[in-house]
PDB file of all heavy atoms in Angstrom:
ATOM      1  N   GLN A   1     183.166  13.728  -8.507  1.00  0.00           N
ATOM      2  CA  GLN A   1     183.041  12.264  -8.727  1.00  0.00           C
ATOM      3  C   GLN A   1     181.817  11.726  -8.012  1.00  0.00           C
ATOM      4  O   GLN A   1     181.132  10.873  -8.532  1.00  0.00           O
ATOM      5  CB  GLN A   1     184.295  11.550  -8.231  1.00  0.00           C
ATOM      6  CG  GLN A   1     185.512  11.785  -9.100  1.00  0.00           C
ATOM      7  CD  GLN A   1     186.762  11.131  -8.530  1.00  0.00           C
ATOM      8  OE1 GLN A   1     186.843  10.788  -7.362  1.00  0.00           O
ATOM      9  NE2 GLN A   1     187.770  10.942  -9.362  1.00  0.00           N
ATOM     10  N   LEU A   2     181.544  12.260  -6.809  1.00  0.00           N
ATOM     11  CA  LEU A   2     180.348  11.805  -6.097  1.00  0.00           C
ATOM     12  C   LEU A   2     179.060  12.147  -6.862  1.00  0.00           C
ATOM     13  O   LEU A   2     178.116  11.347  -6.899  1.00  0.00           O
ATOM     14  CB  LEU A   2     180.300  12.436  -4.701  1.00  0.00           C
ATOM     15  CG  LEU A   2     181.126  11.732  -3.630  1.00  0.00           C
ATOM     16  CD1 LEU A   2     181.200  12.588  -2.357  1.00  0.00           C
ATOM     17  CD2 LEU A   2     180.552  10.373  -3.318  1.00  0.00           C
ATOM     18  N   GLN A   3     179.052  13.331  -7.494  1.00  0.00           N
ATOM     19  CA  GLN A   3     177.876  13.692  -8.290  1.00  0.00           C
ATOM     20  C   GLN A   3     177.702  12.743  -9.475  1.00  0.00           C
ATOM     21  O   GLN A   3     176.594  12.318  -9.788  1.00  0.00           O
ATOM     22  CB  GLN A   3     177.993  15.132  -8.741  1.00  0.00           C
ATOM     23  CG  GLN A   3     177.777  16.166  -7.685  1.00  0.00           C
ATOM     24  CD  GLN A   3     178.000  17.589  -8.178  1.00  0.00           C
ATOM     25  OE1 GLN A   3     178.586  17.795  -9.248  1.00  0.00           O
ATOM     26  NE2 GLN A   3     177.541  18.553  -7.407  1.00  0.00           N
ATOM     27  N   GLN A   4     178.816  12.430 -10.134  1.00  0.00           N
ATOM     28  CA  GLN A   4     178.743  11.490 -11.267  1.00  0.00           C
ATOM     29  C   GLN A   4     178.280  10.116 -10.831  1.00  0.00           C
ATOM     30  O   GLN A   4     177.441   9.473 -11.501  1.00  0.00           O
ATOM     31  CB  GLN A   4     180.101  11.386 -11.960  1.00  0.00           C
ATOM     32  CG  GLN A   4     180.541  12.583 -12.715  1.00  0.00           C
ATOM     33  CD  GLN A   4     181.945  12.455 -13.285  1.00  0.00           C
ATOM     34  OE1 GLN A   4     182.708  11.582 -12.874  1.00  0.00           O
ATOM     35  NE2 GLN A   4     182.272  13.311 -14.227  1.00  0.00           N
ATOM     36  N   LEU A   5     178.778   9.661  -9.694  1.00  0.00           N
ATOM     37  CA  LEU A   5     178.352   8.341  -9.188  1.00  0.00           C
ATOM     38  C   LEU A   5     176.899   8.340  -8.752  1.00  0.00           C
ATOM     39  O   LEU A   5     176.193   7.344  -8.935  1.00  0.00           O
ATOM     40  CB  LEU A   5     179.245   7.919  -8.027  1.00  0.00           C
ATOM     41  CG  LEU A   5     180.663   7.472  -8.390  1.00  0.00           C
ATOM     42  CD1 LEU A   5     181.475   7.173  -7.152  1.00  0.00           C
ATOM     43  CD2 LEU A   5     180.623   6.247  -9.303  1.00  0.00           C
ATOM     44  N   ALA A   6     176.420   9.446  -8.233  1.00  0.00           N
ATOM     45  CA  ALA A   6     175.010   9.544  -7.859  1.00  0.00           C
ATOM     46  C   ALA A   6     174.109   9.445  -9.098  1.00  0.00           C
ATOM     47  O   ALA A   6     173.087   8.769  -9.088  1.00  0.00           O
ATOM     48  CB  ALA A   6     174.725  10.852  -7.120  1.00  0.00           C
ATOM     49  N   LYS A   7     174.564  10.079 -10.182  1.00  0.00           N
ATOM     50  CA  LYS A   7     173.809   9.993 -11.446  1.00  0.00           C
ATOM     51  C   LYS A   7     173.850   8.568 -11.987  1.00  0.00           C
ATOM     52  O   LYS A   7     172.835   8.020 -12.386  1.00  0.00           O
ATOM     53  CB  LYS A   7     174.372  10.979 -12.468  1.00  0.00           C
ATOM     54  CG  LYS A   7     173.575  10.963 -13.779  1.00  0.00           C
ATOM     55  CD  LYS A   7     174.230  11.877 -14.797  1.00  0.00           C
ATOM     56  CE  LYS A   7     173.524  11.884 -16.128  1.00  0.00           C
ATOM     57  NZ  LYS A   7     173.075  10.636 -16.655  1.00  0.00           N
ATOM     58  N   SER A   8     175.038   7.947 -11.921  1.00  0.00           N
ATOM     59  CA  SER A   8     175.152   6.568 -12.389  1.00  0.00           C
ATOM     60  C   SER A   8     174.282   5.628 -11.559  1.00  0.00           C
ATOM     61  O   SER A   8     173.633   4.716 -12.102  1.00  0.00           O
ATOM     62  CB  SER A   8     176.601   6.083 -12.297  1.00  0.00           C
ATOM     63  OG  SER A   8     177.423   6.824 -13.171  1.00  0.00           O
ATOM     64  N   ARG A   9     174.282   5.860 -10.270  1.00  0.00           N
ATOM     65  CA  ARG A   9     173.450   5.018  -9.373  1.00  0.00           C
ATOM     66  C   ARG A   9     171.958   5.165  -9.754  1.00  0.00           C
ATOM     67  O   ARG A   9     171.240   4.173  -9.849  1.00  0.00           O
ATOM     68  CB  ARG A   9     173.681   5.405  -7.913  1.00  0.00           C
ATOM     69  CG  ARG A   9     172.866   4.572  -6.936  1.00  0.00           C
ATOM     70  CD  ARG A   9     173.169   4.856  -5.492  1.00  0.00           C
ATOM     71  NE  ARG A   9     173.437   6.249  -5.164  1.00  0.00           N
ATOM     72  CZ  ARG A   9     172.533   7.184  -4.923  1.00  0.00           C
ATOM     73  NH1 ARG A   9     171.253   6.861  -5.003  1.00  0.00           N
ATOM     74  NH2 ARG A   9     172.884   8.385  -4.628  1.00  0.00           N
ATOM     75  N   ALA A  10     171.516   6.383  -9.970  1.00  0.00           N
ATOM     76  CA  ALA A  10     170.121   6.594 -10.340  1.00  0.00           C
ATOM     77  C   ALA A  10     169.797   5.922 -11.684  1.00  0.00           C
ATOM     78  O   ALA A  10     168.745   5.288 -11.839  1.00  0.00           O
ATOM     79  CB  ALA A  10     169.818   8.095 -10.407  1.00  0.00           C
ATOM     80  N   ASP A  11     170.717   6.041 -12.660  1.00  0.00           N
ATOM     81  CA  ASP A  11     170.508   5.400 -13.969  1.00  0.00           C
ATOM     82  C   ASP A  11     170.451   3.869 -13.812  1.00  0.00           C
ATOM     83  O   ASP A  11     169.619   3.202 -14.435  1.00  0.00           O
ATOM     84  CB  ASP A  11     171.623   5.787 -14.932  1.00  0.00           C
ATOM     85  CG  ASP A  11     171.562   7.251 -15.345  1.00  0.00           C
ATOM     86  OD1 ASP A  11     170.531   7.916 -15.112  1.00  0.00           O
ATOM     87  OD2 ASP A  11     172.581   7.746 -15.867  1.00  0.00           O
ATOM     88  N   LEU A  12     171.345   3.343 -13.011  1.00  0.00           N
ATOM     89  CA  LEU A  12     171.366   1.873 -12.796  1.00  0.00           C
ATOM     90  C   LEU A  12     170.085   1.398 -12.105  1.00  0.00           C
ATOM     91  O   LEU A  12     169.515   0.357 -12.456  1.00  0.00           O
ATOM     92  CB  LEU A  12     172.587   1.469 -11.983  1.00  0.00           C
ATOM     93  CG  LEU A  12     173.919   1.440 -12.733  1.00  0.00           C
ATOM     94  CD1 LEU A  12     175.090   1.233 -11.778  1.00  0.00           C
ATOM     95  CD2 LEU A  12     173.900   0.342 -13.788  1.00  0.00           C
ATOM     96  N   GLU A  13     169.631   2.138 -11.111  1.00  0.00           N
ATOM     97  CA  GLU A  13     168.395   1.769 -10.421  1.00  0.00           C
ATOM     98  C   GLU A  13     167.207   1.769 -11.395  1.00  0.00           C
ATOM     99  O   GLU A  13     166.358   0.872 -11.345  1.00  0.00           O
ATOM    100  CB  GLU A  13     168.143   2.699  -9.230  1.00  0.00           C
ATOM    101  CG  GLU A  13     169.118   2.457  -8.069  1.00  0.00           C
ATOM    102  CD  GLU A  13     169.041   3.526  -7.008  1.00  0.00           C
ATOM    103  OE1 GLU A  13     168.392   4.579  -7.254  1.00  0.00           O
ATOM    104  OE2 GLU A  13     169.647   3.298  -5.923  1.00  0.00           O
ATOM    105  N   SER A  14     167.178   2.759 -12.273  1.00  0.00           N
ATOM    106  CA  SER A  14     166.132   2.813 -13.254  1.00  0.00           C
ATOM    107  C   SER A  14     166.214   1.640 -14.228  1.00  0.00           C
ATOM    108  O   SER A  14     165.207   1.019 -14.569  1.00  0.00           O
ATOM    109  CB  SER A  14     166.217   4.146 -14.031  1.00  0.00           C
ATOM    110  OG  SER A  14     165.333   4.161 -15.113  1.00  0.00           O
ATOM    111  N   ALA A  15     167.447   1.321 -14.685  1.00  0.00           N
ATOM    112  CA  ALA A  15     167.646   0.197 -15.605  1.00  0.00           C
ATOM    113  C   ALA A  15     167.270  -1.129 -14.952  1.00  0.00           C
ATOM    114  O   ALA A  15     166.726  -2.036 -15.596  1.00  0.00           O
ATOM    115  CB  ALA A  15     169.085   0.178 -16.077  1.00  0.00           C
ATOM    116  N   ILE A  16     167.534  -1.268 -13.653  1.00  0.00           N
ATOM    117  CA  ILE A  16     167.181  -2.484 -12.927  1.00  0.00           C
ATOM    118  C   ILE A  16     165.666  -2.649 -12.875  1.00  0.00           C
ATOM    119  O   ILE A  16     165.130  -3.734 -13.101  1.00  0.00           O
ATOM    120  CB  ILE A  16     167.787  -2.495 -11.515  1.00  0.00           C
ATOM    121  CG1 ILE A  16     169.300  -2.691 -11.596  1.00  0.00           C
ATOM    122  CG2 ILE A  16     167.160  -3.563 -10.629  1.00  0.00           C
ATOM    123  CD1 ILE A  16     170.050  -2.497 -10.287  1.00  0.00           C
ATOM    124  N   VAL A  17     164.968  -1.557 -12.592  1.00  0.00           N
ATOM    125  CA  VAL A  17     163.509  -1.619 -12.558  1.00  0.00           C
ATOM    126  C   VAL A  17     162.966  -2.030 -13.930  1.00  0.00           C
ATOM    127  O   VAL A  17     162.069  -2.881 -14.043  1.00  0.00           O
ATOM    128  CB  VAL A  17     162.912  -0.254 -12.129  1.00  0.00           C
ATOM    129  CG1 VAL A  17     161.424  -0.186 -12.358  1.00  0.00           C
ATOM    130  CG2 VAL A  17     163.256   0.017 -10.668  1.00  0.00           C
ATOM    131  N   THR A  18     163.536  -1.468 -14.992  1.00  0.00           N
ATOM    132  CA  THR A  18     163.085  -1.818 -16.341  1.00  0.00           C
ATOM    133  C   THR A  18     163.385  -3.286 -16.650  1.00  0.00           C
ATOM    134  O   THR A  18     162.523  -4.001 -17.198  1.00  0.00           O
ATOM    135  CB  THR A  18     163.816  -0.919 -17.375  1.00  0.00           C
ATOM    136  OG1 THR A  18     163.532   0.445 -17.078  1.00  0.00           O
ATOM    137  CG2 THR A  18     163.342  -1.225 -18.793  1.00  0.00           C
ATOM    138  N   ALA A  19     164.574  -3.754 -16.321  1.00  0.00           N
ATOM    139  CA  ALA A  19     164.937  -5.155 -16.566  1.00  0.00           C
ATOM    140  C   ALA A  19     164.064  -6.113 -15.759  1.00  0.00           C
ATOM    141  O   ALA A  19     163.685  -7.185 -16.268  1.00  0.00           O
ATOM    142  CB  ALA A  19     166.410  -5.392 -16.248  1.00  0.00           C
ATOM    143  N   ASP A  20     163.779  -5.743 -14.538  1.00  0.00           N
ATOM    144  CA  ASP A  20     162.880  -6.564 -13.708  1.00  0.00           C
ATOM    145  C   ASP A  20     161.489  -6.646 -14.318  1.00  0.00           C
ATOM    146  O   ASP A  20     160.851  -7.707 -14.348  1.00  0.00           O
ATOM    147  CB  ASP A  20     162.798  -6.034 -12.279  1.00  0.00           C
ATOM    148  CG  ASP A  20     164.055  -6.368 -11.458  1.00  0.00           C
ATOM    149  OD1 ASP A  20     164.803  -7.281 -11.869  1.00  0.00           O
ATOM    150  OD2 ASP A  20     164.252  -5.711 -10.417  1.00  0.00           O
ATOM    151  N   ALA A  21     161.007  -5.516 -14.832  1.00  0.00           N
ATOM    152  CA  ALA A  21     159.706  -5.520 -15.469  1.00  0.00           C
ATOM    153  C   ALA A  21     159.710  -6.384 -16.719  1.00  0.00           C
ATOM    154  O   ALA A  21     158.759  -7.163 -16.971  1.00  0.00           O
ATOM    155  CB  ALA A  21     159.285  -4.076 -15.814  1.00  0.00           C
ATOM    156  N   GLU A  22     160.780  -6.308 -17.517  1.00  0.00           N
ATOM    157  CA  GLU A  22     160.886  -7.163 -18.705  1.00  0.00           C
ATOM    158  C   GLU A  22     160.943  -8.637 -18.326  1.00  0.00           C
ATOM    159  O   GLU A  22     160.346  -9.477 -19.010  1.00  0.00           O
ATOM    160  CB  GLU A  22     162.142  -6.782 -19.510  1.00  0.00           C
ATOM    161  CG  GLU A  22     162.027  -5.466 -20.230  1.00  0.00           C
ATOM    162  CD  GLU A  22     163.322  -5.099 -20.961  1.00  0.00           C
ATOM    163  OE1 GLU A  22     164.226  -5.963 -21.054  1.00  0.00           O
ATOM    164  OE2 GLU A  22     163.449  -3.943 -21.382  1.00  0.00           O
ATOM    165  N   ALA A  23     161.672  -8.951 -17.266  1.00  0.00           N
ATOM    166  CA  ALA A  23     161.767 -10.338 -16.825  1.00  0.00           C
ATOM    167  C   ALA A  23     160.418 -10.833 -16.351  1.00  0.00           C
ATOM    168  O   ALA A  23     160.041 -12.000 -16.632  1.00  0.00           O
ATOM    169  CB  ALA A  23     162.799 -10.446 -15.678  1.00  0.00           C
ATOM    170  N   TYR A  24     159.672  -9.989 -15.679  1.00  0.00           N
ATOM    171  CA  TYR A  24     158.338 -10.388 -15.216  1.00  0.00           C
ATOM    172  C   TYR A  24     157.410 -10.643 -16.427  1.00  0.00           C
ATOM    173  O   TYR A  24     156.688 -11.621 -16.476  1.00  0.00           O
ATOM    174  CB  TYR A  24     157.754  -9.302 -14.307  1.00  0.00           C
ATOM    175  CG  TYR A  24     156.348  -9.626 -13.887  1.00  0.00           C
ATOM    176  CD1 TYR A  24     156.085 -10.602 -12.932  1.00  0.00           C
ATOM    177  CD2 TYR A  24     155.265  -8.973 -14.457  1.00  0.00           C
ATOM    178  CE1 TYR A  24     154.800 -10.906 -12.561  1.00  0.00           C
ATOM    179  CE2 TYR A  24     153.970  -9.262 -14.094  1.00  0.00           C
ATOM    180  CZ  TYR A  24     153.716 -10.242 -13.125  1.00  0.00           C
ATOM    181  OH  TYR A  24     152.441 -10.520 -12.792  1.00  0.00           O
ATOM    182  N   GLN A  25     157.462  -9.716 -17.418  1.00  0.00           N
ATOM    183  CA  GLN A  25     156.632  -9.894 -18.605  1.00  0.00           C
ATOM    184  C   GLN A  25     157.028 -11.127 -19.379  1.00  0.00           C
ATOM    185  O   GLN A  25     156.173 -11.858 -19.894  1.00  0.00           O
ATOM    186  CB  GLN A  25     156.771  -8.656 -19.499  1.00  0.00           C
ATOM    187  CG  GLN A  25     156.101  -7.436 -18.926  1.00  0.00           C
ATOM    188  CD  GLN A  25     156.387  -6.199 -19.762  1.00  0.00           C
ATOM    189  OE1 GLN A  25     157.186  -6.207 -20.685  1.00  0.00           O
ATOM    190  NE2 GLN A  25     155.717  -5.102 -19.391  1.00  0.00           N
TER     191      GLN A  25
END
């Protein structure tokens, strides 16, 4: 479960960066 959550955390962090970039644009 910790491995799955680590992957989810990494995916969410990536999605946040993308959403922040879209918001800036």
